[in-house]
Amino acid sequence: MTSIQDRLKQVFDSLGITIYQIAKELGENPSKFYNILNGRAKPSYDTIMSLLACYPQISADYLIRGILPVLNTPEANAIVSNTDEDTAEIPFVPVRFYATFVESYADGIGATDTEMFRVRKPVLKGHKKAVVLEISGNSMSPQLAHGAKVLAVPVSESDWEYQSGGVYAVMYRDYFVVKRIRDNELLTRKYLTLHSDNPNGGNVTVPLHDIRGMWKIVTIVEAPVE
């Protein structure tokens, strides 16, 4: 029997889609699939089930047991089209609306005063009050390039001091930035240092009393071609 890595490669080739596209659809990091295909990791049961749910044309018998055909339908490059039932509209904050977003945050954000962005429901994974943010600049490259769109979920103020190790959108004073939190010192020293992934991006230290809101970046929903 062929290895699961070989079968996944065959599935992706038959669908005519890239690892990035698959990761985007499933709300996963592309590096996870690169590691699987390169033999450095094995796909979990949840990953396999998510693939089969997102791409019903994949033959479960082939993916799990190696029994041909690869796809359930003869259209080897067919991809199921999205329907309204498959997607949801999420508030979208493009770069040009950052200032407005900051100004209106205290009053709340309504569907009537913001753009909307359509996202596949599997990507949402049940997240409540999510927003789609457009990345400004290259301080978080290579992971987040300028113009990338990411799904962000609000972090309760009572949980700010426990956030670390991920990428976050932080609103402080009149600024709105996307940075990485490494060592969270809100509990001990009452300030937070926000780090750029790009060495040229710089860091910023923000006192607790200046923070107005925080969102955790959970996945990339669209990225520019570089």
N, C-alpha and C. Protein backbone atom coordinates (compact mmCIF):
# COMPACT_ATOMS: atom_id res chain seq x y z
N MET A 1 0.85 -1.20 0.00
CA MET A 1 0.00 0.00 0.00
C MET A 1 0.88 1.25 0.00
N THR A 2 0.47 2.24 -0.74
CA THR A 2 1.21 3.50 -0.76
C THR A 2 1.09 4.20 0.59
N SER A 3 2.04 5.08 0.88
CA SER A 3 2.01 5.80 2.15
C SER A 3 0.92 6.87 2.11
N ILE A 4 0.51 7.31 3.30
CA ILE A 4 -0.50 8.37 3.37
C ILE A 4 0.01 9.65 2.73
N GLN A 5 1.34 9.89 2.81
CA GLN A 5 1.91 11.08 2.18
C GLN A 5 1.74 11.01 0.66
N ASP A 6 2.01 9.83 0.09
CA ASP A 6 1.87 9.67 -1.37
C ASP A 6 0.41 9.80 -1.79
N ARG A 7 -0.49 9.28 -0.98
CA ARG A 7 -1.91 9.36 -1.33
C ARG A 7 -2.41 10.80 -1.24
N LEU A 8 -1.93 11.54 -0.25
CA LEU A 8 -2.32 12.95 -0.15
C LEU A 8 -1.80 13.75 -1.34
N LYS A 9 -0.56 13.48 -1.75
CA LYS A 9 -0.01 14.16 -2.93
C LYS A 9 -0.87 13.87 -4.15
N GLN A 10 -1.28 12.61 -4.31
CA GLN A 10 -2.11 12.25 -5.46
C GLN A 10 -3.47 12.92 -5.41
N VAL A 11 -4.03 13.02 -4.22
CA VAL A 11 -5.33 13.69 -4.05
C VAL A 11 -5.22 15.16 -4.43
N PHE A 12 -4.17 15.83 -3.93
CA PHE A 12 -4.01 17.25 -4.21
C PHE A 12 -3.79 17.49 -5.70
N ASP A 13 -2.99 16.60 -6.34
CA ASP A 13 -2.75 16.72 -7.78
C ASP A 13 -4.05 16.52 -8.55
N SER A 14 -4.85 15.56 -8.14
CA SER A 14 -6.10 15.26 -8.84
C SER A 14 -7.11 16.40 -8.70
N LEU A 15 -7.10 17.05 -7.55
CA LEU A 15 -8.00 18.18 -7.34
C LEU A 15 -7.52 19.43 -8.06
N GLY A 16 -6.23 19.48 -8.35
CA GLY A 16 -5.67 20.65 -9.02
C GLY A 16 -5.58 21.86 -8.12
N ILE A 17 -5.31 21.64 -6.85
CA ILE A 17 -5.23 22.74 -5.89
C ILE A 17 -3.90 22.67 -5.14
N THR A 18 -3.49 23.81 -4.60
CA THR A 18 -2.20 23.90 -3.91
C THR A 18 -2.36 23.63 -2.42
N ILE A 19 -1.23 23.37 -1.77
CA ILE A 19 -1.23 23.18 -0.33
C ILE A 19 -1.77 24.43 0.36
N TYR A 20 -1.39 25.60 -0.16
CA TYR A 20 -1.87 26.84 0.47
C TYR A 20 -3.39 26.93 0.41
N GLN A 21 -3.97 26.59 -0.77
CA GLN A 21 -5.42 26.66 -0.92
C GLN A 21 -6.11 25.71 0.05
N ILE A 22 -5.57 24.52 0.20
CA ILE A 22 -6.17 23.54 1.11
C ILE A 22 -6.08 24.03 2.55
N ALA A 23 -4.91 24.53 2.94
CA ALA A 23 -4.75 25.03 4.30
C ALA A 23 -5.71 26.18 4.57
N LYS A 24 -5.88 27.04 3.58
CA LYS A 24 -6.80 28.17 3.72
C LYS A 24 -8.23 27.69 3.94
N GLU A 25 -8.65 26.71 3.15
CA GLU A 25 -10.01 26.20 3.26
C GLU A 25 -10.26 25.56 4.62
N LEU A 26 -9.24 24.90 5.16
CA LEU A 26 -9.41 24.19 6.43
C LEU A 26 -9.06 25.04 7.64
N GLY A 27 -8.57 26.26 7.39
CA GLY A 27 -8.19 27.12 8.50
C GLY A 27 -6.95 26.64 9.21
N GLU A 28 -6.03 26.03 8.45
CA GLU A 28 -4.80 25.49 9.01
C GLU A 28 -3.59 26.27 8.50
N ASN A 29 -2.45 26.08 9.16
CA ASN A 29 -1.20 26.67 8.69
C ASN A 29 -0.64 25.80 7.57
N PRO A 30 -0.26 26.39 6.43
CA PRO A 30 0.29 25.59 5.32
C PRO A 30 1.48 24.72 5.72
N SER A 31 2.27 25.18 6.70
CA SER A 31 3.45 24.42 7.11
C SER A 31 3.06 23.04 7.64
N LYS A 32 1.86 22.93 8.18
CA LYS A 32 1.40 21.63 8.68
C LYS A 32 1.34 20.62 7.55
N PHE A 33 0.84 21.04 6.39
CA PHE A 33 0.72 20.12 5.26
C PHE A 33 2.06 19.88 4.59
N TYR A 34 2.93 20.90 4.57
CA TYR A 34 4.27 20.69 4.04
C TYR A 34 5.01 19.64 4.87
N ASN A 35 4.86 19.70 6.19
CA ASN A 35 5.52 18.73 7.06
C ASN A 35 4.96 17.32 6.84
N ILE A 36 3.65 17.23 6.60
CA ILE A 36 3.05 15.93 6.35
C ILE A 36 3.55 15.36 5.03
N LEU A 37 3.55 16.16 3.97
CA LEU A 37 3.95 15.68 2.66
C LEU A 37 5.44 15.35 2.60
N ASN A 38 6.23 16.01 3.44
CA ASN A 38 7.67 15.74 3.47
C ASN A 38 8.04 14.61 4.42
N GLY A 39 7.03 14.01 5.05
CA GLY A 39 7.27 12.88 5.93
C GLY A 39 7.70 13.23 7.33
N ARG A 40 7.66 14.52 7.67
CA ARG A 40 8.07 14.92 9.02
C ARG A 40 6.94 14.80 10.04
N ALA A 41 5.73 14.59 9.55
CA ALA A 41 4.58 14.44 10.43
C ALA A 41 3.54 13.58 9.73
N LYS A 42 2.60 13.06 10.51
CA LYS A 42 1.50 12.28 9.95
C LYS A 42 0.19 13.02 10.17
N PRO A 43 -0.74 12.92 9.22
CA PRO A 43 -2.01 13.62 9.40
C PRO A 43 -2.82 12.99 10.52
N SER A 44 -3.45 13.83 11.31
CA SER A 44 -4.29 13.32 12.39
C SER A 44 -5.63 12.86 11.82
N TYR A 45 -6.37 12.14 12.63
CA TYR A 45 -7.72 11.71 12.23
C TYR A 45 -8.58 12.92 11.90
N ASP A 46 -8.48 13.97 12.73
CA ASP A 46 -9.29 15.18 12.50
C ASP A 46 -8.93 15.83 11.16
N THR A 47 -7.64 15.84 10.80
CA THR A 47 -7.23 16.43 9.53
C THR A 47 -7.82 15.66 8.36
N ILE A 48 -7.77 14.34 8.42
CA ILE A 48 -8.33 13.52 7.34
C ILE A 48 -9.83 13.74 7.23
N MET A 49 -10.53 13.76 8.36
CA MET A 49 -11.98 13.96 8.33
C MET A 49 -12.34 15.35 7.82
N SER A 50 -11.53 16.35 8.17
CA SER A 50 -11.77 17.71 7.68
C SER A 50 -11.60 17.79 6.17
N LEU A 51 -10.57 17.09 5.64
CA LEU A 51 -10.37 17.05 4.20
C LEU A 51 -11.56 16.43 3.49
N LEU A 52 -12.03 15.30 4.01
CA LEU A 52 -13.16 14.60 3.38
C LEU A 52 -14.44 15.44 3.46
N ALA A 53 -14.60 16.19 4.55
CA ALA A 53 -15.81 17.01 4.69
C ALA A 53 -15.76 18.22 3.77
N CYS A 54 -14.56 18.80 3.63
CA CYS A 54 -14.41 20.01 2.82
C CYS A 54 -14.40 19.69 1.33
N TYR A 55 -13.87 18.51 0.96
CA TYR A 55 -13.79 18.09 -0.45
C TYR A 55 -14.46 16.73 -0.59
N PRO A 56 -15.79 16.71 -0.66
CA PRO A 56 -16.52 15.43 -0.71
C PRO A 56 -16.22 14.60 -1.94
N GLN A 57 -15.58 15.19 -2.95
CA GLN A 57 -15.24 14.40 -4.14
C GLN A 57 -14.04 13.49 -3.89
N ILE A 58 -13.32 13.67 -2.77
CA ILE A 58 -12.20 12.78 -2.43
C ILE A 58 -12.76 11.43 -2.00
N SER A 59 -12.21 10.36 -2.53
CA SER A 59 -12.63 9.02 -2.13
C SER A 59 -12.01 8.67 -0.78
N ALA A 60 -12.88 8.41 0.21
CA ALA A 60 -12.39 8.02 1.53
C ALA A 60 -11.63 6.69 1.45
N ASP A 61 -12.10 5.79 0.59
CA ASP A 61 -11.43 4.50 0.44
C ASP A 61 -10.00 4.68 -0.06
N TYR A 62 -9.80 5.64 -0.98
CA TYR A 62 -8.44 5.86 -1.48
C TYR A 62 -7.57 6.52 -0.42
N LEU A 63 -8.10 7.56 0.22
CA LEU A 63 -7.29 8.32 1.17
C LEU A 63 -6.88 7.45 2.36
N ILE A 64 -7.79 6.60 2.83
CA ILE A 64 -7.52 5.82 4.04
C ILE A 64 -6.89 4.46 3.71
N ARG A 65 -7.37 3.82 2.62
CA ARG A 65 -6.93 2.44 2.34
C ARG A 65 -6.12 2.31 1.06
N GLY A 66 -6.09 3.36 0.23
CA GLY A 66 -5.35 3.27 -1.01
C GLY A 66 -6.09 2.57 -2.13
N ILE A 67 -7.42 2.44 -2.01
CA ILE A 67 -8.24 1.77 -3.02
C ILE A 67 -8.72 2.80 -4.04
N LEU A 68 -8.35 2.61 -5.30
CA LEU A 68 -8.75 3.53 -6.36
C LEU A 68 -10.26 3.44 -6.60
N PRO A 69 -10.86 4.51 -7.19
CA PRO A 69 -10.23 5.72 -7.75
C PRO A 69 -9.91 6.75 -6.66
N VAL A 70 -9.12 7.77 -7.08
CA VAL A 70 -8.73 8.83 -6.16
C VAL A 70 -9.93 9.70 -5.80
N LEU A 71 -10.73 10.03 -6.82
CA LEU A 71 -11.89 10.89 -6.63
C LEU A 71 -13.17 10.12 -6.87
N ASN A 72 -14.24 10.56 -6.24
CA ASN A 72 -15.53 9.91 -6.39
C ASN A 72 -16.21 10.21 -7.72
N THR A 73 -15.76 11.29 -8.38
CA THR A 73 -16.37 11.69 -9.64
C THR A 73 -15.33 11.66 -10.74
N PRO A 74 -15.75 11.55 -11.99
CA PRO A 74 -14.78 11.50 -13.09
C PRO A 74 -14.12 12.83 -13.38
N GLU A 75 -14.66 13.92 -12.87
CA GLU A 75 -14.07 15.23 -13.14
C GLU A 75 -12.86 15.40 -12.23
N ALA A 76 -11.69 15.03 -12.74
CA ALA A 76 -10.51 14.96 -11.89
C ALA A 76 -10.12 16.29 -11.27
N ASN A 77 -10.46 17.38 -11.92
CA ASN A 77 -10.08 18.69 -11.39
C ASN A 77 -11.26 19.43 -10.80
N ALA A 78 -12.34 18.71 -10.56
CA ALA A 78 -13.55 19.39 -10.08
C ALA A 78 -13.36 19.83 -8.64
N ILE A 79 -13.85 21.01 -8.34
CA ILE A 79 -13.84 21.52 -6.98
C ILE A 79 -15.26 21.98 -6.67
N VAL A 80 -15.77 21.55 -5.52
CA VAL A 80 -17.14 21.90 -5.16
C VAL A 80 -17.25 23.40 -5.00
N SER A 81 -18.23 24.00 -5.66
CA SER A 81 -18.40 25.44 -5.57
C SER A 81 -19.08 25.80 -4.25
N ASN A 82 -18.75 26.98 -3.76
CA ASN A 82 -19.34 27.45 -2.52
C ASN A 82 -20.78 27.89 -2.75
N THR A 83 -21.63 27.58 -1.80
CA THR A 83 -23.00 28.07 -1.83
C THR A 83 -23.18 28.97 -0.62
N ASP A 84 -24.32 29.66 -0.58
CA ASP A 84 -24.58 30.52 0.56
C ASP A 84 -24.60 29.73 1.86
N GLU A 85 -25.01 28.44 1.79
CA GLU A 85 -25.06 27.62 2.99
C GLU A 85 -23.66 27.27 3.48
N ASP A 86 -22.67 27.30 2.57
CA ASP A 86 -21.30 26.93 2.93
C ASP A 86 -20.52 28.08 3.55
N THR A 87 -21.00 29.31 3.37
CA THR A 87 -20.23 30.47 3.78
C THR A 87 -21.02 31.38 4.71
N ALA A 88 -20.29 32.30 5.33
CA ALA A 88 -20.91 33.30 6.20
C ALA A 88 -20.24 34.64 5.94
N GLU A 89 -21.00 35.71 6.10
CA GLU A 89 -20.45 37.05 5.92
C GLU A 89 -19.96 37.57 7.27
N ILE A 90 -18.69 38.01 7.27
CA ILE A 90 -18.03 38.47 8.49
C ILE A 90 -17.64 39.94 8.30
N PRO A 91 -17.78 40.77 9.34
CA PRO A 91 -17.33 42.17 9.22
C PRO A 91 -15.87 42.24 8.78
N PHE A 92 -15.60 43.14 7.84
CA PHE A 92 -14.27 43.27 7.25
C PHE A 92 -13.71 44.66 7.52
N VAL A 93 -12.47 44.70 8.02
CA VAL A 93 -11.80 45.98 8.31
C VAL A 93 -10.59 46.10 7.40
N PRO A 94 -10.73 46.78 6.25
CA PRO A 94 -9.56 46.99 5.38
C PRO A 94 -8.64 48.05 5.99
N VAL A 95 -7.43 48.12 5.47
CA VAL A 95 -6.44 49.06 6.01
C VAL A 95 -6.98 50.49 6.02
N ARG A 96 -7.67 50.87 4.95
CA ARG A 96 -8.14 52.27 4.86
C ARG A 96 -9.18 52.61 5.93
N PHE A 97 -9.75 51.61 6.59
CA PHE A 97 -10.75 51.86 7.62
C PHE A 97 -10.21 51.67 9.03
N TYR A 98 -8.89 51.48 9.17
CA TYR A 98 -8.33 51.29 10.51
C TYR A 98 -8.70 52.44 11.44
N ALA A 99 -8.51 53.67 10.97
CA ALA A 99 -8.79 54.83 11.82
C ALA A 99 -10.25 54.88 12.22
N THR A 100 -11.13 54.60 11.27
CA THR A 100 -12.56 54.58 11.57
C THR A 100 -12.90 53.48 12.55
N PHE A 101 -12.26 52.33 12.39
CA PHE A 101 -12.47 51.20 13.29
C PHE A 101 -12.10 51.58 14.72
N VAL A 102 -10.97 52.25 14.86
CA VAL A 102 -10.51 52.68 16.19
C VAL A 102 -11.49 53.70 16.79
N GLU A 103 -11.91 54.65 15.97
CA GLU A 103 -12.80 55.71 16.45
C GLU A 103 -14.15 55.16 16.88
N SER A 104 -14.65 54.17 16.12
CA SER A 104 -16.00 53.67 16.37
C SER A 104 -16.04 52.49 17.32
N TYR A 105 -14.87 52.02 17.76
CA TYR A 105 -14.84 50.80 18.55
C TYR A 105 -15.65 50.92 19.84
N ALA A 106 -15.54 52.05 20.48
CA ALA A 106 -16.25 52.23 21.75
C ALA A 106 -17.75 52.14 21.58
N ASP A 107 -18.23 52.49 20.38
CA ASP A 107 -19.67 52.47 20.11
C ASP A 107 -20.13 51.14 19.52
N GLY A 108 -19.19 50.22 19.27
CA GLY A 108 -19.54 48.94 18.68
C GLY A 108 -19.52 49.01 17.17
N ILE A 109 -19.47 47.83 16.55
CA ILE A 109 -19.40 47.74 15.10
C ILE A 109 -20.65 47.03 14.60
N GLY A 110 -21.37 47.66 13.71
CA GLY A 110 -22.56 47.04 13.16
C GLY A 110 -22.40 46.72 11.70
N ALA A 111 -23.22 45.79 11.22
CA ALA A 111 -23.13 45.37 9.81
C ALA A 111 -23.45 46.52 8.87
N THR A 112 -24.15 47.54 9.39
CA THR A 112 -24.55 48.64 8.51
C THR A 112 -23.41 49.62 8.26
N ASP A 113 -22.38 49.61 9.12
CA ASP A 113 -21.33 50.61 8.95
C ASP A 113 -19.97 49.98 8.69
N THR A 114 -19.95 48.77 8.17
CA THR A 114 -18.69 48.14 7.82
C THR A 114 -18.88 47.25 6.61
N GLU A 115 -17.80 47.01 5.89
CA GLU A 115 -17.86 46.08 4.77
C GLU A 115 -17.95 44.66 5.31
N MET A 116 -18.37 43.74 4.43
CA MET A 116 -18.47 42.34 4.82
C MET A 116 -17.56 41.50 3.94
N PHE A 117 -17.11 40.37 4.49
CA PHE A 117 -16.21 39.47 3.78
C PHE A 117 -16.76 38.06 3.93
N ARG A 118 -16.87 37.35 2.80
CA ARG A 118 -17.45 36.00 2.84
C ARG A 118 -16.38 34.97 3.17
N VAL A 119 -16.64 34.16 4.19
CA VAL A 119 -15.69 33.17 4.68
C VAL A 119 -16.39 31.81 4.75
N ARG A 120 -15.68 30.75 4.37
CA ARG A 120 -16.24 29.41 4.47
C ARG A 120 -16.48 29.05 5.94
N LYS A 121 -17.62 28.44 6.22
CA LYS A 121 -17.98 28.11 7.60
C LYS A 121 -16.98 27.18 8.28
N PRO A 122 -16.38 26.19 7.57
CA PRO A 122 -15.38 25.36 8.25
C PRO A 122 -14.20 26.17 8.79
N VAL A 123 -13.89 27.29 8.13
CA VAL A 123 -12.79 28.14 8.58
C VAL A 123 -13.16 28.84 9.89
N LEU A 124 -14.43 29.19 10.03
CA LEU A 124 -14.88 29.90 11.22
C LEU A 124 -14.77 29.04 12.48
N LYS A 125 -15.00 27.75 12.33
CA LYS A 125 -14.89 26.81 13.46
C LYS A 125 -15.68 27.28 14.68
N GLY A 126 -16.82 27.90 14.43
CA GLY A 126 -17.68 28.30 15.54
C GLY A 126 -17.26 29.54 16.27
N HIS A 127 -16.21 30.24 15.80
CA HIS A 127 -15.76 31.45 16.48
C HIS A 127 -16.86 32.52 16.47
N LYS A 128 -17.09 33.13 17.59
CA LYS A 128 -18.12 34.17 17.72
C LYS A 128 -17.50 35.56 17.58
N LYS A 129 -18.25 36.46 17.00
CA LYS A 129 -17.88 37.88 16.86
C LYS A 129 -16.55 38.05 16.12
N ALA A 130 -16.28 37.15 15.18
CA ALA A 130 -15.03 37.24 14.42
C ALA A 130 -15.08 38.40 13.44
N VAL A 131 -13.91 38.92 13.09
CA VAL A 131 -13.78 39.94 12.05
C VAL A 131 -12.65 39.51 11.12
N VAL A 132 -12.70 40.01 9.90
CA VAL A 132 -11.61 39.80 8.96
C VAL A 132 -10.82 41.10 8.87
N LEU A 133 -9.52 41.03 9.11
CA LEU A 133 -8.65 42.21 9.09
C LEU A 133 -7.70 42.13 7.91
N GLU A 134 -7.45 43.27 7.28
CA GLU A 134 -6.45 43.35 6.22
C GLU A 134 -5.13 43.79 6.84
N ILE A 135 -4.05 43.07 6.51
CA ILE A 135 -2.75 43.36 7.08
C ILE A 135 -2.12 44.56 6.38
N SER A 136 -1.58 45.48 7.18
CA SER A 136 -0.92 46.67 6.66
C SER A 136 0.58 46.57 6.88
N GLY A 137 1.35 46.74 5.80
CA GLY A 137 2.80 46.72 5.92
C GLY A 137 3.36 45.30 5.97
N ASN A 138 4.68 45.21 6.11
CA ASN A 138 5.37 43.92 6.09
C ASN A 138 6.08 43.60 7.39
N SER A 139 5.64 44.19 8.50
CA SER A 139 6.32 43.93 9.77
C SER A 139 6.13 42.50 10.24
N MET A 140 5.10 41.81 9.71
CA MET A 140 4.85 40.44 10.12
C MET A 140 5.19 39.44 9.03
N SER A 141 5.88 39.90 7.99
CA SER A 141 6.30 38.98 6.94
C SER A 141 7.46 38.12 7.47
N PRO A 142 7.63 36.90 6.97
CA PRO A 142 6.97 36.34 5.79
C PRO A 142 5.63 35.70 6.07
N GLN A 143 5.24 35.50 7.33
CA GLN A 143 3.99 34.81 7.60
C GLN A 143 2.79 35.61 7.12
N LEU A 144 2.78 36.91 7.38
CA LEU A 144 1.66 37.76 6.98
C LEU A 144 2.18 38.90 6.11
N ALA A 145 1.90 38.81 4.83
CA ALA A 145 2.35 39.84 3.89
C ALA A 145 1.36 40.98 3.85
N HIS A 146 1.82 42.12 3.37
CA HIS A 146 0.95 43.28 3.20
C HIS A 146 -0.22 42.91 2.30
N GLY A 147 -1.43 43.23 2.74
CA GLY A 147 -2.62 42.92 1.96
C GLY A 147 -3.27 41.60 2.29
N ALA A 148 -2.61 40.77 3.10
CA ALA A 148 -3.23 39.51 3.51
C ALA A 148 -4.46 39.80 4.37
N LYS A 149 -5.42 38.89 4.31
CA LYS A 149 -6.64 39.03 5.10
C LYS A 149 -6.70 37.88 6.09
N VAL A 150 -6.92 38.21 7.36
CA VAL A 150 -6.88 37.21 8.42
C VAL A 150 -8.16 37.23 9.23
N LEU A 151 -8.50 36.07 9.76
CA LEU A 151 -9.65 35.96 10.65
C LEU A 151 -9.19 36.21 12.07
N ALA A 152 -9.86 37.12 12.77
CA ALA A 152 -9.47 37.48 14.13
C ALA A 152 -10.68 37.39 15.05
N VAL A 153 -10.45 36.88 16.25
CA VAL A 153 -11.55 36.75 17.22
C VAL A 153 -11.20 37.55 18.47
N PRO A 154 -12.19 38.23 19.04
CA PRO A 154 -11.91 39.09 20.20
C PRO A 154 -11.48 38.29 21.42
N VAL A 155 -10.58 38.89 22.18
CA VAL A 155 -10.12 38.31 23.44
C VAL A 155 -10.74 39.11 24.58
N SER A 156 -11.38 38.44 25.50
CA SER A 156 -11.99 39.11 26.64
C SER A 156 -10.92 39.84 27.46
N GLU A 157 -11.26 41.02 27.95
CA GLU A 157 -10.29 41.81 28.72
C GLU A 157 -9.74 41.03 29.90
N SER A 158 -10.55 40.17 30.50
CA SER A 158 -10.09 39.37 31.64
C SER A 158 -9.05 38.33 31.25
N ASP A 159 -8.91 38.08 29.92
CA ASP A 159 -7.95 37.08 29.44
C ASP A 159 -6.72 37.70 28.78
N TRP A 160 -6.64 39.02 28.70
CA TRP A 160 -5.51 39.67 28.03
C TRP A 160 -4.18 39.21 28.61
N GLU A 161 -4.12 39.14 29.93
CA GLU A 161 -2.84 38.85 30.60
C GLU A 161 -2.35 37.41 30.38
N TYR A 162 -3.21 36.56 29.82
CA TYR A 162 -2.83 35.16 29.61
C TYR A 162 -2.47 34.84 28.17
N GLN A 163 -2.48 35.84 27.30
CA GLN A 163 -2.20 35.62 25.87
C GLN A 163 -0.70 35.67 25.60
N SER A 164 -0.19 34.68 24.89
CA SER A 164 1.22 34.69 24.49
C SER A 164 1.44 33.64 23.41
N GLY A 165 2.52 33.83 22.65
CA GLY A 165 2.91 32.84 21.66
C GLY A 165 2.22 32.93 20.33
N GLY A 166 1.25 33.82 20.18
CA GLY A 166 0.53 33.93 18.92
C GLY A 166 0.60 35.32 18.34
N VAL A 167 -0.13 35.52 17.24
CA VAL A 167 -0.21 36.83 16.60
C VAL A 167 -1.55 37.46 16.97
N TYR A 168 -1.50 38.73 17.31
CA TYR A 168 -2.69 39.42 17.80
C TYR A 168 -2.83 40.79 17.14
N ALA A 169 -4.07 41.23 17.02
CA ALA A 169 -4.35 42.62 16.67
C ALA A 169 -4.63 43.34 17.99
N VAL A 170 -3.92 44.42 18.22
CA VAL A 170 -4.07 45.15 19.49
C VAL A 170 -4.41 46.60 19.19
N MET A 171 -5.45 47.08 19.83
CA MET A 171 -5.84 48.48 19.73
C MET A 171 -5.39 49.18 21.01
N TYR A 172 -4.54 50.18 20.86
CA TYR A 172 -4.10 50.95 22.03
C TYR A 172 -4.04 52.43 21.64
N ARG A 173 -4.48 53.27 22.56
CA ARG A 173 -4.66 54.69 22.27
C ARG A 173 -5.37 54.84 20.93
N ASP A 174 -4.75 55.49 19.96
CA ASP A 174 -5.36 55.64 18.64
C ASP A 174 -4.69 54.77 17.59
N TYR A 175 -4.02 53.72 18.04
CA TYR A 175 -3.29 52.84 17.13
C TYR A 175 -3.96 51.47 17.05
N PHE A 176 -3.77 50.83 15.90
CA PHE A 176 -4.29 49.48 15.70
C PHE A 176 -3.21 48.70 14.96
N VAL A 177 -2.58 47.73 15.60
CA VAL A 177 -1.44 47.03 15.03
C VAL A 177 -1.64 45.52 15.12
N VAL A 178 -0.96 44.81 14.23
CA VAL A 178 -0.93 43.34 14.27
C VAL A 178 0.51 42.93 14.57
N LYS A 179 0.71 42.30 15.73
CA LYS A 179 2.05 41.92 16.18
C LYS A 179 1.98 40.58 16.91
N ARG A 180 3.16 40.08 17.26
CA ARG A 180 3.24 38.83 18.01
C ARG A 180 3.48 39.11 19.49
N ILE A 181 2.78 38.36 20.34
CA ILE A 181 3.00 38.44 21.78
C ILE A 181 3.88 37.26 22.18
N ARG A 182 5.03 37.54 22.74
CA ARG A 182 5.94 36.48 23.19
C ARG A 182 5.87 36.33 24.71
N ASP A 183 6.42 37.29 25.41
CA ASP A 183 6.37 37.26 26.88
C ASP A 183 5.35 38.29 27.35
N ASN A 184 4.26 37.81 27.90
CA ASN A 184 3.19 38.69 28.36
C ASN A 184 3.47 39.12 29.80
N GLU A 185 3.68 40.42 30.00
CA GLU A 185 4.00 40.93 31.33
C GLU A 185 2.90 41.85 31.86
N LEU A 186 1.69 41.67 31.35
CA LEU A 186 0.58 42.49 31.85
C LEU A 186 0.29 42.20 33.31
N LEU A 187 0.43 40.95 33.71
CA LEU A 187 0.11 40.57 35.08
C LEU A 187 1.18 41.04 36.07
N THR A 188 2.44 40.98 35.65
CA THR A 188 3.54 41.28 36.58
C THR A 188 4.01 42.73 36.53
N ARG A 189 4.09 43.28 35.30
CA ARG A 189 4.63 44.63 35.16
C ARG A 189 3.66 45.63 34.53
N LYS A 190 2.47 45.15 34.18
CA LYS A 190 1.41 46.01 33.66
C LYS A 190 1.76 46.62 32.30
N TYR A 191 2.54 45.89 31.50
CA TYR A 191 2.76 46.34 30.13
C TYR A 191 2.95 45.13 29.22
N LEU A 192 2.78 45.38 27.93
CA LEU A 192 2.83 44.33 26.93
C LEU A 192 3.79 44.75 25.82
N THR A 193 4.73 43.87 25.47
CA THR A 193 5.64 44.14 24.37
C THR A 193 5.16 43.38 23.14
N LEU A 194 4.94 44.13 22.06
CA LEU A 194 4.44 43.55 20.81
C LEU A 194 5.61 43.46 19.83
N HIS A 195 5.83 42.28 19.27
CA HIS A 195 7.00 42.01 18.44
C HIS A 195 6.63 41.85 16.97
N SER A 196 7.49 42.32 16.09
CA SER A 196 7.37 42.09 14.66
C SER A 196 8.11 40.80 14.31
N ASP A 197 7.58 40.03 13.35
CA ASP A 197 8.30 38.85 12.86
C ASP A 197 9.45 39.27 11.94
N ASN A 198 9.24 40.37 11.22
CA ASN A 198 10.28 40.92 10.35
C ASN A 198 11.29 41.68 11.22
N PRO A 199 12.57 41.33 11.17
CA PRO A 199 13.57 42.02 12.01
C PRO A 199 13.59 43.53 11.82
N ASN A 200 13.16 44.00 10.66
CA ASN A 200 13.15 45.44 10.39
C ASN A 200 11.86 46.11 10.88
N GLY A 201 10.94 45.32 11.41
CA GLY A 201 9.64 45.87 11.79
C GLY A 201 9.60 46.56 13.12
N GLY A 202 10.52 46.20 14.02
CA GLY A 202 10.56 46.85 15.33
C GLY A 202 9.52 46.28 16.29
N ASN A 203 9.66 46.68 17.54
CA ASN A 203 8.76 46.26 18.60
C ASN A 203 8.14 47.49 19.25
N VAL A 204 7.07 47.27 19.99
CA VAL A 204 6.43 48.38 20.70
C VAL A 204 5.98 47.89 22.06
N THR A 205 6.20 48.71 23.08
CA THR A 205 5.78 48.38 24.44
C THR A 205 4.57 49.22 24.80
N VAL A 206 3.51 48.57 25.26
CA VAL A 206 2.24 49.25 25.52
C VAL A 206 1.82 49.05 26.97
N PRO A 207 1.58 50.12 27.71
CA PRO A 207 1.08 49.99 29.08
C PRO A 207 -0.34 49.42 29.08
N LEU A 208 -0.67 48.69 30.10
CA LEU A 208 -1.99 48.08 30.22
C LEU A 208 -3.10 49.11 30.09
N HIS A 209 -2.93 50.27 30.72
CA HIS A 209 -4.01 51.26 30.73
C HIS A 209 -4.28 51.86 29.35
N ASP A 210 -3.35 51.65 28.40
CA ASP A 210 -3.55 52.19 27.04
C ASP A 210 -4.26 51.20 26.12
N ILE A 211 -4.36 49.94 26.52
CA ILE A 211 -4.96 48.91 25.65
C ILE A 211 -6.48 49.03 25.67
N ARG A 212 -7.06 49.09 24.47
CA ARG A 212 -8.51 49.24 24.35
C ARG A 212 -9.19 47.98 23.85
N GLY A 213 -8.45 47.14 23.14
CA GLY A 213 -9.05 45.92 22.61
C GLY A 213 -7.97 44.98 22.11
N MET A 214 -8.31 43.67 22.05
CA MET A 214 -7.35 42.67 21.59
C MET A 214 -8.09 41.57 20.84
N TRP A 215 -7.51 41.15 19.70
CA TRP A 215 -8.08 40.07 18.89
C TRP A 215 -6.97 39.08 18.58
N LYS A 216 -7.29 37.81 18.67
CA LYS A 216 -6.31 36.77 18.31
C LYS A 216 -6.47 36.42 16.83
N ILE A 217 -5.36 36.42 16.09
CA ILE A 217 -5.39 36.03 14.69
C ILE A 217 -5.40 34.50 14.64
N VAL A 218 -6.45 33.93 14.07
CA VAL A 218 -6.59 32.47 14.10
C VAL A 218 -6.23 31.81 12.78
N THR A 219 -6.38 32.52 11.66
CA THR A 219 -6.02 31.91 10.38
C THR A 219 -5.98 32.97 9.28
N ILE A 220 -5.30 32.64 8.20
CA ILE A 220 -5.28 33.48 7.00
C ILE A 220 -6.44 33.05 6.11
N VAL A 221 -7.26 33.99 5.68
CA VAL A 221 -8.37 33.65 4.79
C VAL A 221 -8.08 34.05 3.34
N GLU A 222 -7.13 34.94 3.14
CA GLU A 222 -6.74 35.30 1.77
C GLU A 222 -5.36 35.93 1.84
N ALA A 223 -4.49 35.58 0.89
CA ALA A 223 -3.14 36.13 0.87
C ALA A 223 -2.77 36.54 -0.53
N PRO A 224 -2.02 37.64 -0.69
CA PRO A 224 -1.60 38.06 -2.03
C PRO A 224 -0.57 37.11 -2.59
N VAL A 225 -0.53 37.03 -3.90
CA VAL A 225 0.47 36.21 -4.58
C VAL A 225 1.75 37.04 -4.66
N GLU A 226 2.85 36.46 -4.16
CA GLU A 226 4.11 37.20 -4.14
C GLU A 226 5.11 36.60 -5.11
